[in-house]
Amino acid sequence: MLFLGGALYAYGLDSHLKEYLKTLKQGDAKMAVVFSTSWISKHSIDLIKKGLSKAGIPVAEEAFYARNKPSQAQLEEAAAFARAELTAREPL
C-alpha cells in the first residue's frame, strides 16, 4: 500500500512529487491511497490520482483532504482514515 500526498502549488504539484510520480510503474504498489493538504482546493488529489493511474497503479477511490495547516482533530481524522484504508484491503 502506497500512501502518497502533496499540496497544491500555483495550481500544480510540487516538482519533486511530479518527478516521483514519473518514476513509478505498474507493480511498484498493489494499491495507492491519496491525501492532500492545501489552502486553495482539493485539485492536487486529482493530479496525484492521474499520475498514479498513468503509472498503472490502482488508486483507492476515497482520499483524505485537510484544508490549511491540519489541526489536531484533522490529524486524528487522517490517522483514522489511514487505518480504515489499511484494514479495508487484503493483506499484501
Protein backbone atom coordinates (compact mmCIF):
# COMPACT_ATOMS: atom_id res chain seq x y z
CA MET A 1 0.00 0.00 0.00
CA LEU A 2 1.43 3.34 -1.06
CA PHE A 3 0.15 6.42 0.75
CA LEU A 4 1.01 9.45 -1.36
CA GLY A 5 0.15 13.07 -0.85
CA GLY A 6 1.08 16.61 -1.51
CA ALA A 7 -0.20 20.15 -1.61
CA LEU A 8 -1.12 22.43 -4.45
CA TYR A 9 1.49 24.95 -5.60
CA ALA A 10 0.23 27.53 -8.11
CA TYR A 11 -2.45 25.03 -9.20
CA GLY A 12 0.12 22.30 -9.81
CA LEU A 13 2.07 19.71 -7.87
CA ASP A 14 5.46 20.28 -6.28
CA SER A 15 8.22 19.48 -8.80
CA HIS A 16 9.65 16.74 -6.55
CA LEU A 17 6.28 14.99 -6.38
CA LYS A 18 5.79 15.31 -10.15
CA GLU A 19 9.21 13.73 -10.74
CA TYR A 20 8.49 10.94 -8.24
CA LEU A 21 5.21 10.12 -9.99
CA LYS A 22 7.13 9.79 -13.26
CA THR A 23 9.39 7.12 -11.71
CA LEU A 24 6.51 4.87 -10.66
CA LYS A 25 5.49 1.88 -12.73
CA GLN A 26 2.93 -0.87 -12.59
CA GLY A 27 3.84 -3.33 -9.86
CA ASP A 28 5.55 -0.78 -7.61
CA ALA A 29 2.48 -0.91 -5.36
CA LYS A 30 -0.64 -3.04 -5.30
CA MET A 31 -2.75 0.00 -4.34
CA ALA A 32 -2.28 3.69 -3.70
CA VAL A 33 -4.17 5.94 -1.30
CA VAL A 34 -4.03 9.70 -1.82
CA PHE A 35 -4.12 12.58 0.67
CA SER A 36 -3.59 16.31 0.49
CA THR A 37 -3.48 19.49 2.50
CA SER A 38 -3.84 22.88 0.88
CA TRP A 39 -5.34 26.26 1.43
CA ILE A 40 -6.89 26.64 -2.01
CA SER A 41 -8.53 23.46 -3.28
CA LYS A 42 -8.53 19.67 -3.49
CA HIS A 43 -7.19 19.74 -7.07
CA SER A 44 -3.89 18.14 -6.01
CA ILE A 45 -5.80 14.93 -5.22
CA ASP A 46 -6.96 14.70 -8.84
CA LEU A 47 -3.45 15.41 -10.14
CA ILE A 48 -1.86 12.76 -7.92
CA LYS A 49 -4.52 10.18 -8.83
CA LYS A 50 -3.96 10.95 -12.52
CA GLY A 51 -0.20 10.41 -12.16
CA LEU A 52 -0.69 7.12 -10.31
CA SER A 53 -3.23 5.87 -12.85
CA LYS A 54 -0.85 6.80 -15.68
CA ALA A 55 1.79 4.66 -13.95
CA GLY A 56 -0.64 1.73 -13.86
CA ILE A 57 -1.07 1.73 -10.10
CA PRO A 58 -4.63 1.16 -8.83
CA VAL A 59 -5.87 4.08 -6.74
CA ALA A 60 -8.40 3.92 -3.90
CA GLU A 61 -11.50 5.93 -4.67
CA GLU A 62 -11.55 7.62 -1.26
CA ALA A 63 -8.94 10.27 -0.49
CA PHE A 64 -8.19 12.39 2.58
CA TYR A 65 -8.12 16.17 2.44
CA ALA A 66 -7.36 18.70 5.17
CA ARG A 67 -7.74 22.40 4.42
CA ASN A 68 -4.97 24.70 5.67
CA LYS A 69 -2.47 23.50 8.23
CA PRO A 70 -4.07 20.42 9.81
CA SER A 71 -5.46 20.81 13.31
CA GLN A 72 -5.07 18.10 15.94
CA ALA A 73 -8.57 16.89 15.11
CA GLN A 74 -7.69 16.66 11.40
CA LEU A 75 -4.50 14.75 12.23
CA GLU A 76 -6.60 12.27 14.19
CA GLU A 77 -9.04 12.03 11.25
CA ALA A 78 -6.10 11.36 8.92
CA ALA A 79 -4.84 8.56 11.18
CA ALA A 80 -8.33 7.02 11.32
CA PHE A 81 -8.60 7.29 7.52
CA ALA A 82 -5.25 5.53 7.05
CA ARG A 83 -6.19 2.74 9.47
CA ALA A 84 -9.54 2.25 7.72
CA GLU A 85 -7.87 2.08 4.29
CA LEU A 86 -5.33 -0.44 5.53
CA THR A 87 -7.95 -2.69 7.11
CA ALA A 88 -10.24 -2.44 4.06
CA ARG A 89 -7.59 -4.03 1.82
CA GLU A 90 -6.40 -7.59 1.63
CA PRO A 91 -3.01 -8.19 3.28
CA LEU A 92 -0.14 -7.53 0.86
